[in-house]
Amino acid sequence: MAAAAIRPRLRGLRRAASILALTTALVFGAGVGAYADPTWDGENTDGGTDVGGSDGGSNGNPGTGGNNGGGGAIRVPVPWTQKVFVPYCSDNSVRATGRGVGDYETVGDVLCTGFGSCPAEGDYRYRVFERSMGPDNLATEDNFRSAGVVCRGQDEPNESEPPTITTEDIIERARALAPTPTFVIEPADRSYVNIPTNFAAQAQGATVTVELLGYSIPVEFTPGDVTWSFGDGRSGSGVGVRSASVGQAGAVEHAYARSGDYSVSVTVGYTARIFVPNGPPIDMPTPITRTSAPQALEVGEIQSVVTEVD
């Protein structure tokens, strides 16, 4: 097919792709227009990473923090790599116009047939251009460098903006570090039908450290609600008291109606507080639950035998 015949078809592809690129917030056109966060622009030199919750909406002004697990943001200065994506074609590239986050422009306005040649349905092929940014959000390189070609979907994040740490990121890492409760059964690992068995949990608070983007973020766990599973379909609540007498206040007791082997466990809900740099702590509104390793309890029967009748 002659080049003159191909050109109108490419123009139509270019129009459709331009609409797609705007919808997905990927760059096709001026770089400044692609960066929508009003907190950042080409003149921004405050720098850093936003740390904040999502329950209160979008990240707020730096330094406002919050005690409800949402709203506000804390800025943590870190170096990062700015990446700009342009539709795949050898004529398209990205050129720096300054050192700021939004100081760049795309070069070329061409679509090639390879733009839609990704294996996965809904993905499109993009050229990647990147440059290193310092903690102050100023480029440490004079221009962008080519970083290959990738296929991206509509929901892929725009990496031309400074990175963001959310409370969800922190809690996801901290969840695995939350303390695991233990417990004791008294007397030991054997009991008897209709005899109250005493249970006592050992649930202590702990502070763990989450490493993200080169920063150490402490997360404090405080034990809250304690729930028991006695293995016979019944449950209980409370920490319990070790060496408690029968009926003692605060004790967690359970009497089994039938003999058998039972698996007992305890679950503790920990409240989490995140200590972000340069801001007030963030309390997570939803506890993180951890369940102990199960313990086996054998329940037998006490039977009386008549040996003599007067």
Protein backbone atom coordinates (compact mmCIF):
# COMPACT_ATOMS: atom_id res chain seq x y z
CA MET A 1 0.00 0.00 0.00
CA ALA A 2 1.34 3.45 -0.89
CA ALA A 3 2.52 5.77 1.88
CA ALA A 4 -0.09 8.36 0.90
CA ALA A 5 -2.83 5.79 1.46
CA ILE A 6 -1.43 4.74 4.84
CA ARG A 7 -1.16 8.31 6.18
CA PRO A 8 -4.97 8.94 6.64
CA ARG A 9 -5.29 5.67 8.54
CA LEU A 10 -2.41 6.62 10.83
CA ARG A 11 -4.01 10.00 11.46
CA GLY A 12 -7.19 8.23 12.59
CA LEU A 13 -5.18 5.97 14.87
CA ARG A 14 -3.42 9.01 16.28
CA ARG A 15 -6.72 10.69 17.16
CA ALA A 16 -8.05 7.57 18.91
CA ALA A 17 -4.81 7.04 20.78
CA SER A 18 -4.74 10.66 21.90
CA ILE A 19 -8.14 10.22 23.52
CA LEU A 20 -6.96 7.00 25.16
CA ALA A 21 -3.81 8.63 26.46
CA LEU A 22 -5.79 11.44 28.05
CA THR A 23 -8.16 8.95 29.64
CA THR A 24 -5.36 6.88 31.15
CA ALA A 25 -3.31 9.93 32.24
CA LEU A 26 -0.39 8.75 30.18
CA VAL A 27 1.67 11.36 28.41
CA PHE A 28 0.84 12.29 24.82
CA GLY A 29 1.52 15.96 24.20
CA ALA A 30 2.96 18.54 26.59
CA GLY A 31 4.47 17.05 29.75
CA VAL A 32 3.20 19.81 32.03
CA GLY A 33 -0.40 19.13 31.09
CA ALA A 34 -0.05 15.45 31.96
CA TYR A 35 0.81 16.18 35.58
CA ALA A 36 -2.50 16.81 37.30
CA ASP A 37 -1.57 16.96 40.99
CA PRO A 38 -1.76 20.66 41.99
CA THR A 39 0.65 20.02 44.87
CA TRP A 40 3.45 19.60 42.37
CA ASP A 41 4.50 21.64 39.32
CA GLY A 42 7.62 22.61 37.46
CA GLU A 43 8.55 25.17 40.10
CA ASN A 44 8.09 22.85 43.08
CA THR A 45 11.28 22.36 45.08
CA ASP A 46 9.88 21.17 48.42
CA GLY A 47 10.56 17.56 47.46
CA GLY A 48 9.75 14.24 48.95
CA THR A 49 7.20 11.51 49.25
CA ASP A 50 3.67 11.90 50.55
CA VAL A 51 2.72 9.62 53.42
CA GLY A 52 -0.94 9.59 54.29
CA GLY A 53 -4.18 7.65 54.53
CA SER A 54 -6.87 7.18 51.94
CA ASP A 55 -9.93 7.13 54.19
CA GLY A 56 -10.04 10.89 54.26
CA GLY A 57 -9.79 11.32 50.50
CA SER A 58 -6.78 12.42 48.53
CA ASN A 59 -3.47 13.34 50.06
CA GLY A 60 -3.71 16.69 51.75
CA ASN A 61 -1.22 19.45 52.41
CA PRO A 62 2.18 18.30 53.61
CA GLY A 63 2.61 18.28 57.35
CA THR A 64 -1.07 18.21 58.29
CA GLY A 65 -0.96 14.57 59.38
CA GLY A 66 -4.02 13.12 61.04
CA ASN A 67 -5.22 10.86 63.83
CA ASN A 68 -7.99 9.05 62.01
CA GLY A 69 -6.07 6.95 59.54
CA GLY A 70 -6.94 9.20 56.62
CA GLY A 71 -6.49 12.67 55.23
CA GLY A 72 -3.33 14.70 55.48
CA ALA A 73 0.09 13.81 54.19
CA ILE A 74 3.64 13.83 55.44
CA ARG A 75 6.41 14.55 52.97
CA VAL A 76 9.51 12.35 53.24
CA PRO A 77 12.40 13.41 50.96
CA VAL A 78 13.69 10.52 48.85
CA PRO A 79 15.39 10.20 45.47
CA TRP A 80 13.26 8.65 42.74
CA THR A 81 13.14 7.93 39.01
CA GLN A 82 10.76 9.89 36.81
CA LYS A 83 9.32 7.87 33.93
CA VAL A 84 7.38 9.28 30.99
CA PHE A 85 5.56 7.07 28.48
CA VAL A 86 4.92 8.03 24.86
CA PRO A 87 3.12 5.96 22.21
CA TYR A 88 5.44 3.52 20.53
CA CYS A 89 7.09 4.96 17.43
CA SER A 90 10.73 5.71 16.71
CA ASP A 91 9.89 9.36 16.03
CA ASN A 92 8.44 9.94 19.52
CA SER A 93 10.67 10.89 22.43
CA VAL A 94 10.81 13.11 25.54
CA ARG A 95 13.00 16.18 26.04
CA ALA A 96 13.74 17.98 29.29
CA THR A 97 12.99 21.72 29.39
CA GLY A 98 14.20 22.20 32.94
CA ARG A 99 14.93 20.34 36.16
CA GLY A 100 11.46 20.43 37.73
CA VAL A 101 8.95 17.58 37.83
CA GLY A 102 6.85 19.04 35.04
CA ASP A 103 9.70 20.47 33.01
CA TYR A 104 9.60 18.25 29.93
CA GLU A 105 7.88 17.95 26.59
CA THR A 106 7.22 15.18 24.13
CA VAL A 107 8.94 15.29 20.76
CA GLY A 108 7.02 13.98 17.77
CA ASP A 109 3.32 13.37 17.40
CA VAL A 110 3.22 10.11 15.54
CA LEU A 111 1.56 6.74 16.01
CA CYS A 112 2.83 3.57 14.42
CA THR A 113 0.95 0.34 13.90
CA GLY A 114 3.07 -1.27 16.62
CA PHE A 115 1.28 0.87 19.25
CA GLY A 116 -1.52 -1.68 19.50
CA SER A 117 0.57 -4.83 19.06
CA CYS A 118 0.74 -5.96 22.70
CA PRO A 119 -0.08 -9.60 23.54
CA ALA A 120 -2.64 -8.78 26.23
CA GLU A 121 -5.97 -7.35 25.19
CA GLY A 122 -6.35 -3.72 26.27
CA ASP A 123 -2.59 -3.11 26.53
CA TYR A 124 -0.72 -0.67 24.31
CA ARG A 125 2.95 -0.34 23.50
CA TYR A 126 4.85 2.68 24.84
CA ARG A 127 8.40 3.94 24.71
CA VAL A 128 9.80 4.69 28.16
CA PHE A 129 11.99 7.69 28.96
CA GLU A 130 13.36 8.28 32.43
CA ARG A 131 15.61 10.54 34.48
CA SER A 132 16.81 10.52 38.08
CA MET A 133 15.22 12.99 40.50
CA GLY A 134 16.73 14.11 43.78
CA PRO A 135 14.93 14.35 47.14
CA ASP A 136 14.14 17.98 46.27
CA ASN A 137 12.26 16.83 43.12
CA LEU A 138 14.86 18.39 40.87
CA ALA A 139 16.42 16.33 38.10
CA THR A 140 19.99 15.18 38.61
CA GLU A 141 20.41 14.54 34.86
CA ASP A 142 20.40 17.03 32.00
CA ASN A 143 17.95 15.06 29.90
CA PHE A 144 15.83 11.91 29.72
CA ARG A 145 17.34 8.61 28.68
CA SER A 146 15.61 5.87 26.73
CA ALA A 147 14.57 2.95 28.95
CA GLY A 148 13.09 0.56 26.42
CA VAL A 149 9.55 -0.34 25.40
CA VAL A 150 6.71 -1.66 27.58
CA CYS A 151 3.10 -2.73 27.20
CA ARG A 152 0.74 -0.95 29.57
CA GLY A 153 -2.95 -1.12 30.39
CA GLN A 154 -5.36 1.70 31.11
CA ASP A 155 -5.07 1.27 34.88
CA GLU A 156 -1.28 1.41 35.05
CA PRO A 157 -0.04 4.27 37.29
CA ASN A 158 1.57 7.36 35.85
CA GLU A 159 5.19 7.28 37.03
CA SER A 160 6.00 10.84 36.01
CA GLU A 161 4.87 12.02 39.44
CA PRO A 162 6.78 11.77 42.75
CA PRO A 163 6.25 8.42 44.51
CA THR A 164 3.62 8.11 47.21
CA ILE A 165 3.62 6.04 50.39
CA THR A 166 0.14 5.43 51.77
CA THR A 167 -0.88 4.01 55.12
CA GLU A 168 -2.04 0.94 53.21
CA ASP A 169 1.52 0.40 51.97
CA ILE A 170 2.84 0.65 55.51
CA ILE A 171 0.22 -1.59 57.09
CA GLU A 172 0.63 -4.21 54.38
CA ARG A 173 4.27 -4.57 55.36
CA ALA A 174 3.62 -4.21 59.08
CA ARG A 175 0.88 -6.87 59.12
CA ALA A 176 3.41 -9.66 58.78
CA LEU A 177 5.45 -8.14 61.63
CA ALA A 178 2.57 -7.81 64.10
CA PRO A 179 3.08 -9.85 67.28
CA THR A 180 1.52 -13.31 67.44
CA PRO A 181 -0.32 -14.07 70.71
CA THR A 182 0.33 -17.16 72.78
CA PHE A 183 -1.70 -18.69 75.60
CA VAL A 184 -1.70 -21.27 78.37
CA ILE A 185 -4.23 -23.92 79.29
CA GLU A 186 -4.64 -24.85 82.94
CA PRO A 187 -4.38 -27.58 83.90
CA ALA A 188 -1.88 -28.34 81.11
CA ASP A 189 -3.15 -30.12 77.99
CA ARG A 190 -5.78 -32.35 79.58
CA SER A 191 -9.16 -31.63 81.12
CA TYR A 192 -12.39 -33.44 81.97
CA VAL A 193 -16.04 -33.18 81.01
CA ASN A 194 -17.97 -30.51 82.94
CA ILE A 195 -14.80 -29.37 84.72
CA PRO A 196 -13.97 -25.66 84.14
CA THR A 197 -10.70 -25.29 82.24
CA ASN A 198 -8.77 -22.07 82.64
CA PHE A 199 -7.34 -20.17 79.66
CA ALA A 200 -5.01 -17.17 79.73
CA ALA A 201 -3.62 -15.26 76.75
CA GLN A 202 -0.23 -13.61 76.53
CA ALA A 203 -0.75 -10.62 74.23
CA GLN A 204 1.79 -7.85 74.50
CA GLY A 205 2.24 -4.66 72.56
CA ALA A 206 5.15 -4.23 70.19
CA THR A 207 6.73 -1.66 67.93
CA VAL A 208 8.00 -2.86 64.55
CA THR A 209 9.90 -1.01 61.84
CA VAL A 210 8.71 -0.90 58.24
CA GLU A 211 11.30 -0.10 55.58
CA LEU A 212 9.92 1.82 52.59
CA LEU A 213 11.79 3.87 50.00
CA GLY A 214 14.86 3.85 52.19
CA TYR A 215 13.07 5.14 55.29
CA SER A 216 12.39 3.38 58.59
CA ILE A 217 8.80 3.93 59.74
CA PRO A 218 7.86 2.68 63.24
CA VAL A 219 4.46 1.05 63.67
CA GLU A 220 3.17 0.51 67.21
CA PHE A 221 0.78 -2.39 67.91
CA THR A 222 -1.40 -2.34 71.04
CA PRO A 223 -3.49 -5.42 71.92
CA GLY A 224 -7.24 -4.92 72.10
CA ASP A 225 -10.09 -7.43 71.81
CA VAL A 226 -9.21 -11.05 72.63
CA THR A 227 -11.39 -13.85 71.24
CA TRP A 228 -11.13 -17.54 72.01
CA SER A 229 -12.03 -20.58 69.92
CA PHE A 230 -12.38 -23.61 72.19
CA GLY A 231 -12.64 -26.13 69.37
CA ASP A 232 -16.14 -27.36 70.21
CA GLY A 233 -18.02 -24.62 68.40
CA ARG A 234 -18.04 -22.37 71.45
CA SER A 235 -16.11 -19.14 71.88
CA GLY A 236 -15.12 -16.73 74.63
CA SER A 237 -13.53 -13.34 75.11
CA GLY A 238 -11.04 -11.70 77.43
CA VAL A 239 -7.35 -12.03 78.23
CA GLY A 240 -7.89 -14.35 81.19
CA VAL A 241 -5.94 -14.79 84.41
CA ARG A 242 -3.16 -17.31 84.96
CA SER A 243 -3.55 -19.66 87.93
CA ALA A 244 -7.07 -18.30 88.48
CA SER A 245 -9.37 -19.94 90.97
CA VAL A 246 -12.73 -21.20 89.69
CA GLY A 247 -15.06 -18.28 89.08
CA GLN A 248 -12.41 -15.62 89.65
CA ALA A 249 -13.18 -12.24 88.14
CA GLY A 250 -11.49 -11.76 84.77
CA ALA A 251 -10.80 -15.46 84.30
CA VAL A 252 -11.63 -17.17 81.00
CA GLU A 253 -13.12 -20.58 81.75
CA HIS A 254 -14.78 -23.20 79.60
CA ALA A 255 -16.30 -26.57 80.49
CA TYR A 256 -16.58 -29.18 77.73
CA ALA A 257 -19.79 -31.17 77.49
CA ARG A 258 -18.22 -34.21 75.81
CA SER A 259 -14.93 -36.01 75.87
CA GLY A 260 -12.63 -35.81 72.87
CA ASP A 261 -9.66 -34.02 71.37
CA TYR A 262 -10.07 -30.28 70.79
CA SER A 263 -7.98 -27.61 69.06
CA VAL A 264 -7.87 -24.31 70.96
CA SER A 265 -6.68 -20.95 69.65
CA VAL A 266 -6.87 -17.27 70.56
CA THR A 267 -7.18 -14.23 68.27
CA VAL A 268 -6.09 -10.73 69.25
CA GLY A 269 -7.07 -7.50 67.51
CA TYR A 270 -4.17 -5.03 67.56
CA THR A 271 -4.64 -1.32 67.05
CA ALA A 272 -1.88 0.15 64.89
CA ARG A 273 -0.29 3.59 65.15
CA ILE A 274 2.08 4.79 62.44
CA PHE A 275 4.82 7.23 63.41
CA VAL A 276 5.58 9.14 60.21
CA PRO A 277 8.51 11.56 60.00
CA ASN A 278 7.83 15.23 60.62
CA GLY A 279 4.17 14.79 61.53
CA PRO A 280 1.72 13.55 64.15
CA PRO A 281 1.05 9.80 64.48
CA ILE A 282 -1.63 8.20 62.30
CA ASP A 283 -4.01 5.79 64.05
CA MET A 284 -5.45 3.09 61.83
CA PRO A 285 -9.24 2.82 62.25
CA THR A 286 -9.38 -0.96 61.69
CA PRO A 287 -7.52 -3.37 64.01
CA ILE A 288 -5.11 -5.95 62.64
CA THR A 289 -5.97 -9.44 63.91
CA ARG A 290 -3.45 -12.17 64.63
CA THR A 291 -4.28 -15.73 65.67
CA SER A 292 -2.09 -17.93 67.82
CA ALA A 293 -0.83 -21.34 66.89
CA PRO A 294 -3.44 -23.92 67.97
CA GLN A 295 -2.95 -26.10 71.01
CA ALA A 296 -4.40 -29.59 71.43
CA LEU A 297 -6.55 -30.27 74.48
CA GLU A 298 -7.65 -33.77 75.45
CA VAL A 299 -10.90 -33.90 77.40
CA GLY A 300 -11.68 -37.12 79.26
CA GLU A 301 -14.42 -38.33 81.57
CA ILE A 302 -14.32 -38.97 85.30
CA GLN A 303 -16.30 -42.09 86.16
CA SER A 304 -17.11 -43.37 89.64
CA VAL A 305 -17.03 -47.05 90.48
CA VAL A 306 -19.07 -48.56 93.37
CA THR A 307 -16.91 -51.06 95.23
CA GLU A 308 -18.98 -51.59 98.39
CA VAL A 309 -22.59 -51.16 99.49
CA ASP A 310 -23.58 -50.98 103.13
